[in-house]
Amino acid sequence: MTETTFYKDKIYLPRKVQERLGLAEGDVLRIEVVEKGVAKLEIARSCDAAARILKRLKNPPDLGKIKGKLSREEIYEDVT
């Protein structure tokens, strides 16, 4: 068992605990209060999906160009 300190509205986990839990930058810790004085800690691994999506939006792949102009009817012809 390892002890830590609650200080200025923060809980600091010792490096040894961080390493044993396998915590990585960006991981989210969920804390569930089971009963007074007892809590359950769950680690939600970080996901860089949002960063990948933003990167793709900034640099979209080249899908080719449409030659000429399409009419509204041509665009929606298969809708009906």
PDB file of N, CA and C in Angstrom:
ATOM      1  N   MET A   1       0.851  -1.178   0.000  1.00  0.00           N
ATOM      2  CA  MET A   1       0.000   0.000   0.000  1.00  0.00           C
ATOM      3  C   MET A   1       0.895   1.238   0.000  1.00  0.00           C
ATOM      4  N   THR A   2       0.489   2.247  -0.756  1.00  0.00           N
ATOM      5  CA  THR A   2       1.237   3.496  -0.849  1.00  0.00           C
ATOM      6  C   THR A   2       0.356   4.641  -0.394  1.00  0.00           C
ATOM      7  N   GLU A   3       0.932   5.590   0.293  1.00  0.00           N
ATOM      8  CA  GLU A   3       0.189   6.759   0.745  1.00  0.00           C
ATOM      9  C   GLU A   3       0.554   7.972  -0.094  1.00  0.00           C
ATOM     10  N   THR A   4      -0.374   8.899  -0.185  1.00  0.00           N
ATOM     11  CA  THR A   4      -0.138  10.154  -0.882  1.00  0.00           C
ATOM     12  C   THR A   4      -0.827  11.261  -0.105  1.00  0.00           C
ATOM     13  N   THR A   5      -0.704  12.488  -0.579  1.00  0.00           N
ATOM     14  CA  THR A   5      -1.246  13.633   0.140  1.00  0.00           C
ATOM     15  C   THR A   5      -2.250  14.383  -0.711  1.00  0.00           C
ATOM     16  N   PHE A   6      -3.324  14.819  -0.079  1.00  0.00           N
ATOM     17  CA  PHE A   6      -4.312  15.694  -0.715  1.00  0.00           C
ATOM     18  C   PHE A   6      -3.866  17.103  -0.400  1.00  0.00           C
ATOM     19  N   TYR A   7      -3.565  17.890  -1.459  1.00  0.00           N
ATOM     20  CA  TYR A   7      -3.014  19.219  -1.247  1.00  0.00           C
ATOM     21  C   TYR A   7      -3.555  20.178  -2.290  1.00  0.00           C
ATOM     22  N   LYS A   8      -4.130  21.283  -1.843  1.00  0.00           N
ATOM     23  CA  LYS A   8      -4.679  22.318  -2.730  1.00  0.00           C
ATOM     24  C   LYS A   8      -5.616  21.714  -3.782  1.00  0.00           C
ATOM     25  N   ASP A   9      -6.598  20.954  -3.320  1.00  0.00           N
ATOM     26  CA  ASP A   9      -7.618  20.338  -4.176  1.00  0.00           C
ATOM     27  C   ASP A   9      -7.053  19.349  -5.192  1.00  0.00           C
ATOM     28  N   LYS A  10      -5.893  18.795  -4.933  1.00  0.00           N
ATOM     29  CA  LYS A  10      -5.284  17.835  -5.863  1.00  0.00           C
ATOM     30  C   LYS A  10      -4.787  16.626  -5.099  1.00  0.00           C
ATOM     31  N   ILE A  11      -4.791  15.506  -5.800  1.00  0.00           N
ATOM     32  CA  ILE A  11      -4.232  14.282  -5.251  1.00  0.00           C
ATOM     33  C   ILE A  11      -3.022  13.936  -6.105  1.00  0.00           C
ATOM     34  N   TYR A  12      -1.903  13.764  -5.479  1.00  0.00           N
ATOM     35  CA  TYR A  12      -0.679  13.447  -6.199  1.00  0.00           C
ATOM     36  C   TYR A  12      -0.371  11.962  -6.056  1.00  0.00           C
ATOM     37  N   LEU A  13      -0.212  11.276  -7.196  1.00  0.00           N
ATOM     38  CA  LEU A  13       0.151   9.868  -7.166  1.00  0.00           C
ATOM     39  C   LEU A  13       1.666   9.744  -7.254  1.00  0.00           C
ATOM     40  N   PRO A  14       2.252   8.998  -6.359  1.00  0.00           N
ATOM     41  CA  PRO A  14       3.698   8.801  -6.425  1.00  0.00           C
ATOM     42  C   PRO A  14       4.114   8.155  -7.751  1.00  0.00           C
ATOM     43  N   ARG A  15       5.307   8.478  -8.207  1.00  0.00           N
ATOM     44  CA  ARG A  15       5.814   7.952  -9.481  1.00  0.00           C
ATOM     45  C   ARG A  15       5.736   6.425  -9.526  1.00  0.00           C
ATOM     46  N   LYS A  16       6.049   5.780  -8.410  1.00  0.00           N
ATOM     47  CA  LYS A  16       6.015   4.319  -8.345  1.00  0.00           C
ATOM     48  C   LYS A  16       4.610   3.792  -8.677  1.00  0.00           C
ATOM     49  N   VAL A  17       3.582   4.458  -8.152  1.00  0.00           N
ATOM     50  CA  VAL A  17       2.194   4.062  -8.415  1.00  0.00           C
ATOM     51  C   VAL A  17       1.844   4.329  -9.884  1.00  0.00           C
ATOM     52  N   GLN A  18       2.257   5.489 -10.394  1.00  0.00           N
ATOM     53  CA  GLN A  18       2.000   5.818 -11.796  1.00  0.00           C
ATOM     54  C   GLN A  18       2.584   4.761 -12.723  1.00  0.00           C
ATOM     55  N   GLU A  19       3.808   4.353 -12.433  1.00  0.00           N
ATOM     56  CA  GLU A  19       4.469   3.343 -13.258  1.00  0.00           C
ATOM     57  C   GLU A  19       3.779   1.986 -13.156  1.00  0.00           C
ATOM     58  N   ARG A  20       3.390   1.596 -11.961  1.00  0.00           N
ATOM     59  CA  ARG A  20       2.723   0.297 -11.783  1.00  0.00           C
ATOM     60  C   ARG A  20       1.359   0.266 -12.460  1.00  0.00           C
ATOM     61  N   LEU A  21       0.668   1.429 -12.494  1.00  0.00           N
ATOM     62  CA  LEU A  21      -0.621   1.514 -13.173  1.00  0.00           C
ATOM     63  C   LEU A  21      -0.456   1.643 -14.682  1.00  0.00           C
ATOM     64  N   GLY A  22       0.733   1.994 -15.119  1.00  0.00           N
ATOM     65  CA  GLY A  22       0.977   2.188 -16.538  1.00  0.00           C
ATOM     66  C   GLY A  22       0.357   3.469 -17.061  1.00  0.00           C
ATOM     67  N   LEU A  23       0.286   4.490 -16.219  1.00  0.00           N
ATOM     68  CA  LEU A  23      -0.320   5.756 -16.626  1.00  0.00           C
ATOM     69  C   LEU A  23       0.514   6.422 -17.705  1.00  0.00           C
ATOM     70  N   ALA A  24      -0.180   7.000 -18.682  1.00  0.00           N
ATOM     71  CA  ALA A  24       0.475   7.733 -19.758  1.00  0.00           C
ATOM     72  C   ALA A  24      -0.138   9.120 -19.836  1.00  0.00           C
ATOM     73  N   GLU A  25       0.598  10.032 -20.424  1.00  0.00           N
ATOM     74  CA  GLU A  25       0.125  11.404 -20.599  1.00  0.00           C
ATOM     75  C   GLU A  25      -1.222  11.385 -21.316  1.00  0.00           C
ATOM     76  N   GLY A  26      -2.197  12.088 -20.753  1.00  0.00           N
ATOM     77  CA  GLY A  26      -3.518  12.174 -21.378  1.00  0.00           C
ATOM     78  C   GLY A  26      -4.525  11.147 -20.874  1.00  0.00           C
ATOM     79  N   ASP A  27      -4.080  10.163 -20.087  1.00  0.00           N
ATOM     80  CA  ASP A  27      -5.020   9.199 -19.523  1.00  0.00           C
ATOM     81  C   ASP A  27      -5.986   9.920 -18.592  1.00  0.00           C
ATOM     82  N   VAL A  28      -7.210   9.432 -18.551  1.00  0.00           N
ATOM     83  CA  VAL A  28      -8.234  10.009 -17.682  1.00  0.00           C
ATOM     84  C   VAL A  28      -8.461   9.047 -16.527  1.00  0.00           C
ATOM     85  N   LEU A  29      -8.475   9.588 -15.315  1.00  0.00           N
ATOM     86  CA  LEU A  29      -8.735   8.766 -14.138  1.00  0.00           C
ATOM     87  C   LEU A  29     -10.165   9.001 -13.686  1.00  0.00           C
ATOM     88  N   ARG A  30     -10.921   7.928 -13.578  1.00  0.00           N
ATOM     89  CA  ARG A  30     -12.302   8.020 -13.079  1.00  0.00           C
ATOM     90  C   ARG A  30     -12.310   7.512 -11.645  1.00  0.00           C
ATOM     91  N   ILE A  31     -12.937   8.286 -10.781  1.00  0.00           N
ATOM     92  CA  ILE A  31     -12.991   7.912  -9.373  1.00  0.00           C
ATOM     93  C   ILE A  31     -14.448   7.735  -8.968  1.00  0.00           C
ATOM     94  N   GLU A  32     -14.754   6.561  -8.454  1.00  0.00           N
ATOM     95  CA  GLU A  32     -16.105   6.252  -7.976  1.00  0.00           C
ATOM     96  C   GLU A  32     -16.040   6.096  -6.462  1.00  0.00           C
ATOM     97  N   VAL A  33     -16.863   6.854  -5.759  1.00  0.00           N
ATOM     98  CA  VAL A  33     -16.914   6.725  -4.303  1.00  0.00           C
ATOM     99  C   VAL A  33     -17.826   5.551  -3.986  1.00  0.00           C
ATOM    100  N   VAL A  34     -17.249   4.515  -3.423  1.00  0.00           N
ATOM    101  CA  VAL A  34     -17.991   3.301  -3.086  1.00  0.00           C
ATOM    102  C   VAL A  34     -18.777   3.517  -1.800  1.00  0.00           C
ATOM    103  N   GLU A  35     -18.114   4.067  -0.814  1.00  0.00           N
ATOM    104  CA  GLU A  35     -18.727   4.454   0.457  1.00  0.00           C
ATOM    105  C   GLU A  35     -17.809   5.479   1.090  1.00  0.00           C
ATOM    106  N   LYS A  36     -18.241   6.092   2.153  1.00  0.00           N
ATOM    107  CA  LYS A  36     -17.419   7.124   2.777  1.00  0.00           C
ATOM    108  C   LYS A  36     -16.060   6.544   3.161  1.00  0.00           C
ATOM    109  N   GLY A  37     -15.016   7.151   2.630  1.00  0.00           N
ATOM    110  CA  GLY A  37     -13.665   6.706   2.928  1.00  0.00           C
ATOM    111  C   GLY A  37     -13.132   5.643   1.985  1.00  0.00           C
ATOM    112  N   VAL A  38     -13.961   5.164   1.051  1.00  0.00           N
ATOM    113  CA  VAL A  38     -13.528   4.123   0.114  1.00  0.00           C
ATOM    114  C   VAL A  38     -13.860   4.564  -1.310  1.00  0.00           C
ATOM    115  N   ALA A  39     -12.871   4.507  -2.185  1.00  0.00           N
ATOM    116  CA  ALA A  39     -13.079   4.908  -3.574  1.00  0.00           C
ATOM    117  C   ALA A  39     -12.470   3.873  -4.512  1.00  0.00           C
ATOM    118  N   LYS A  40     -12.999   3.812  -5.712  1.00  0.00           N
ATOM    119  CA  LYS A  40     -12.497   2.910  -6.747  1.00  0.00           C
ATOM    120  C   LYS A  40     -11.916   3.783  -7.857  1.00  0.00           C
ATOM    121  N   LEU A  41     -10.702   3.481  -8.290  1.00  0.00           N
ATOM    122  CA  LEU A  41     -10.019   4.243  -9.325  1.00  0.00           C
ATOM    123  C   LEU A  41      -9.991   3.417 -10.604  1.00  0.00           C
ATOM    124  N   GLU A  42     -10.395   4.030 -11.711  1.00  0.00           N
ATOM    125  CA  GLU A  42     -10.392   3.352 -13.011  1.00  0.00           C
ATOM    126  C   GLU A  42      -9.655   4.231 -14.002  1.00  0.00           C
ATOM    127  N   ILE A  43      -8.835   3.621 -14.828  1.00  0.00           N
ATOM    128  CA  ILE A  43      -8.070   4.372 -15.820  1.00  0.00           C
ATOM    129  C   ILE A  43      -8.730   4.211 -17.181  1.00  0.00           C
ATOM    130  N   ALA A  44      -9.050   5.348 -17.794  1.00  0.00           N
ATOM    131  CA  ALA A  44      -9.561   5.349 -19.163  1.00  0.00           C
ATOM    132  C   ALA A  44      -8.404   5.797 -20.042  1.00  0.00           C
ATOM    133  N   ARG A  45      -7.905   4.910 -20.859  1.00  0.00           N
ATOM    134  CA  ARG A  45      -6.753   5.230 -21.697  1.00  0.00           C
ATOM    135  C   ARG A  45      -7.072   6.385 -22.626  1.00  0.00           C
ATOM    136  N   SER A  46      -6.073   7.220 -22.855  1.00  0.00           N
ATOM    137  CA  SER A  46      -6.268   8.357 -23.754  1.00  0.00           C
ATOM    138  C   SER A  46      -6.440   7.847 -25.175  1.00  0.00           C
ATOM    139  N   CYS A  47      -7.125   8.632 -25.945  1.00  0.00           N
ATOM    140  CA  CYS A  47      -7.361   8.275 -27.340  1.00  0.00           C
ATOM    141  C   CYS A  47      -7.033   9.501 -28.170  1.00  0.00           C
ATOM    142  N   ASP A  48      -6.150   9.335 -29.116  1.00  0.00           N
ATOM    143  CA  ASP A  48      -5.766  10.479 -29.935  1.00  0.00           C
ATOM    144  C   ASP A  48      -6.606  10.580 -31.205  1.00  0.00           C
ATOM    145  N   ALA A  49      -7.799   9.977 -31.193  1.00  0.00           N
ATOM    146  CA  ALA A  49      -8.664  10.008 -32.376  1.00  0.00           C
ATOM    147  C   ALA A  49      -9.031  11.430 -32.767  1.00  0.00           C
ATOM    148  N   ALA A  50      -9.330  12.265 -31.790  1.00  0.00           N
ATOM    149  CA  ALA A  50      -9.703  13.649 -32.093  1.00  0.00           C
ATOM    150  C   ALA A  50      -8.551  14.373 -32.776  1.00  0.00           C
ATOM    151  N   ALA A  51      -7.332  14.153 -32.309  1.00  0.00           N
ATOM    152  CA  ALA A  51      -6.165  14.796 -32.916  1.00  0.00           C
ATOM    153  C   ALA A  51      -5.966  14.307 -34.347  1.00  0.00           C
ATOM    154  N   ARG A  52      -6.189  12.999 -34.573  1.00  0.00           N
ATOM    155  CA  ARG A  52      -6.042  12.464 -35.936  1.00  0.00           C
ATOM    156  C   ARG A  52      -7.085  13.051 -36.874  1.00  0.00           C
ATOM    157  N   ILE A  53      -8.311  13.208 -36.381  1.00  0.00           N
ATOM    158  CA  ILE A  53      -9.374  13.786 -37.208  1.00  0.00           C
ATOM    159  C   ILE A  53      -9.050  15.227 -37.560  1.00  0.00           C
ATOM    160  N   LEU A  54      -8.600  16.010 -36.576  1.00  0.00           N
ATOM    161  CA  LEU A  54      -8.245  17.403 -36.848  1.00  0.00           C
ATOM    162  C   LEU A  54      -7.100  17.503 -37.843  1.00  0.00           C
ATOM    163  N   LYS A  55      -6.150  16.597 -37.738  1.00  0.00           N
ATOM    164  CA  LYS A  55      -5.031  16.596 -38.677  1.00  0.00           C
ATOM    165  C   LYS A  55      -5.525  16.309 -40.096  1.00  0.00           C
ATOM    166  N   ARG A  56      -6.442  15.348 -40.236  1.00  0.00           N
ATOM    167  CA  ARG A  56      -6.995  15.021 -41.561  1.00  0.00           C
ATOM    168  C   ARG A  56      -7.806  16.174 -42.126  1.00  0.00           C
ATOM    169  N   LEU A  57      -8.513  16.901 -41.270  1.00  0.00           N
ATOM    170  CA  LEU A  57      -9.292  18.041 -41.742  1.00  0.00           C
ATOM    171  C   LEU A  57      -8.385  19.170 -42.239  1.00  0.00           C
ATOM    172  N   LYS A  58      -7.233  19.330 -41.591  1.00  0.00           N
ATOM    173  CA  LYS A  58      -6.296  20.363 -42.018  1.00  0.00           C
ATOM    174  C   LYS A  58      -5.599  19.980 -43.320  1.00  0.00           C
ATOM    175  N   ASN A  59      -5.363  18.688 -43.500  1.00  0.00           N
ATOM    176  CA  ASN A  59      -4.679  18.185 -44.698  1.00  0.00           C
ATOM    177  C   ASN A  59      -5.486  17.043 -45.319  1.00  0.00           C
ATOM    178  N   PRO A  60      -6.616  17.366 -45.949  1.00  0.00           N
ATOM    179  CA  PRO A  60      -7.449  16.295 -46.503  1.00  0.00           C
ATOM    180  C   PRO A  60      -6.747  15.589 -47.668  1.00  0.00           C
ATOM    181  N   PRO A  61      -7.052  14.307 -47.860  1.00  0.00           N
ATOM    182  CA  PRO A  61      -6.436  13.582 -48.973  1.00  0.00           C
ATOM    183  C   PRO A  61      -6.963  14.106 -50.305  1.00  0.00           C
ATOM    184  N   ASP A  62      -6.163  13.982 -51.348  1.00  0.00           N
ATOM    185  CA  ASP A  62      -6.581  14.409 -52.681  1.00  0.00           C
ATOM    186  C   ASP A  62      -7.489  13.328 -53.263  1.00  0.00           C
ATOM    187  N   LEU A  63      -8.734  13.662 -53.447  1.00  0.00           N
ATOM    188  CA  LEU A  63      -9.707  12.709 -53.993  1.00  0.00           C
ATOM    189  C   LEU A  63      -9.982  12.974 -55.474  1.00  0.00           C
ATOM    190  N   GLY A  64      -9.195  13.827 -56.064  1.00  0.00           N
ATOM    191  CA  GLY A  64      -9.400  14.162 -57.471  1.00  0.00           C
ATOM    192  C   GLY A  64     -10.363  15.329 -57.593  1.00  0.00           C
ATOM    193  N   LYS A  65     -10.530  15.790 -58.797  1.00  0.00           N
ATOM    194  CA  LYS A  65     -11.402  16.928 -59.035  1.00  0.00           C
ATOM    195  C   LYS A  65     -12.496  16.541 -60.012  1.00  0.00           C
ATOM    196  N   ILE A  66     -13.639  17.168 -59.840  1.00  0.00           N
ATOM    197  CA  ILE A  66     -14.751  16.956 -60.768  1.00  0.00           C
ATOM    198  C   ILE A  66     -14.563  17.920 -61.927  1.00  0.00           C
ATOM    199  N   LYS A  67     -14.597  17.386 -63.119  1.00  0.00           N
ATOM    200  CA  LYS A  67     -14.450  18.240 -64.292  1.00  0.00           C
ATOM    201  C   LYS A  67     -15.794  18.840 -64.636  1.00  0.00           C
ATOM    202  N   GLY A  68     -15.793  20.124 -64.856  1.00  0.00           N
ATOM    203  CA  GLY A  68     -17.037  20.801 -65.193  1.00  0.00           C
ATOM    204  C   GLY A  68     -17.878  21.021 -63.954  1.00  0.00           C
ATOM    205  N   LYS A  69     -19.132  21.393 -64.179  1.00  0.00           N
ATOM    206  CA  LYS A  69     -20.048  21.635 -63.062  1.00  0.00           C
ATOM    207  C   LYS A  69     -21.177  20.633 -63.112  1.00  0.00           C
ATOM    208  N   LEU A  70     -21.640  20.237 -61.943  1.00  0.00           N
ATOM    209  CA  LEU A  70     -22.797  19.354 -61.864  1.00  0.00           C
ATOM    210  C   LEU A  70     -24.028  20.181 -61.545  1.00  0.00           C
ATOM    211  N   SER A  71     -25.118  19.809 -62.172  1.00  0.00           N
ATOM    212  CA  SER A  71     -26.369  20.495 -61.859  1.00  0.00           C
ATOM    213  C   SER A  71     -26.947  19.887 -60.591  1.00  0.00           C
ATOM    214  N   ARG A  72     -27.872  20.584 -59.986  1.00  0.00           N
ATOM    215  CA  ARG A  72     -28.536  20.086 -58.785  1.00  0.00           C
ATOM    216  C   ARG A  72     -29.214  18.749 -59.071  1.00  0.00           C
ATOM    217  N   GLU A  73     -29.800  18.609 -60.221  1.00  0.00           N
ATOM    218  CA  GLU A  73     -30.485  17.360 -60.590  1.00  0.00           C
ATOM    219  C   GLU A  73     -29.496  16.196 -60.695  1.00  0.00           C
ATOM    220  N   GLU A  74     -28.297  16.459 -61.241  1.00  0.00           N
ATOM    221  CA  GLU A  74     -27.304  15.396 -61.355  1.00  0.00           C
ATOM    222  C   GLU A  74     -26.789  14.962 -59.985  1.00  0.00           C
ATOM    223  N   ILE A  75     -26.663  15.901 -59.083  1.00  0.00           N
ATOM    224  CA  ILE A  75     -26.188  15.574 -57.751  1.00  0.00           C
ATOM    225  C   ILE A  75     -27.194  14.698 -56.999  1.00  0.00           C
ATOM    226  N   TYR A  76     -28.483  15.028 -57.144  1.00  0.00           N
ATOM    227  CA  TYR A  76     -29.514  14.333 -56.383  1.00  0.00           C
ATOM    228  C   TYR A  76     -30.302  13.326 -57.213  1.00  0.00           C
ATOM    229  N   GLU A  77     -29.799  12.917 -58.364  1.00  0.00           N
ATOM    230  CA  GLU A  77     -30.587  12.060 -59.242  1.00  0.00           C
ATOM    231  C   GLU A  77     -30.903  10.693 -58.641  1.00  0.00           C
ATOM    232  N   ASP A  78     -30.049  10.158 -57.808  1.00  0.00           N
ATOM    233  CA  ASP A  78     -30.296   8.824 -57.226  1.00  0.00           C
ATOM    234  C   ASP A  78     -31.049   8.881 -55.905  1.00  0.00           C
ATOM    235  N   VAL A  79     -31.450  10.054 -55.466  1.00  0.00           N
ATOM    236  CA  VAL A  79     -32.125  10.188 -54.179  1.00  0.00           C
ATOM    237  C   VAL A  79     -33.563   9.712 -54.232  1.00  0.00           C
ATOM    238  N   THR A  80     -34.238   9.948 -55.323  1.00  0.00           N
ATOM    239  CA  THR A  80     -35.653   9.585 -55.401  1.00  0.00           C
ATOM    240  C   THR A  80     -35.885   8.148 -55.756  1.00  0.00           C
TER     241      THR A  80
END
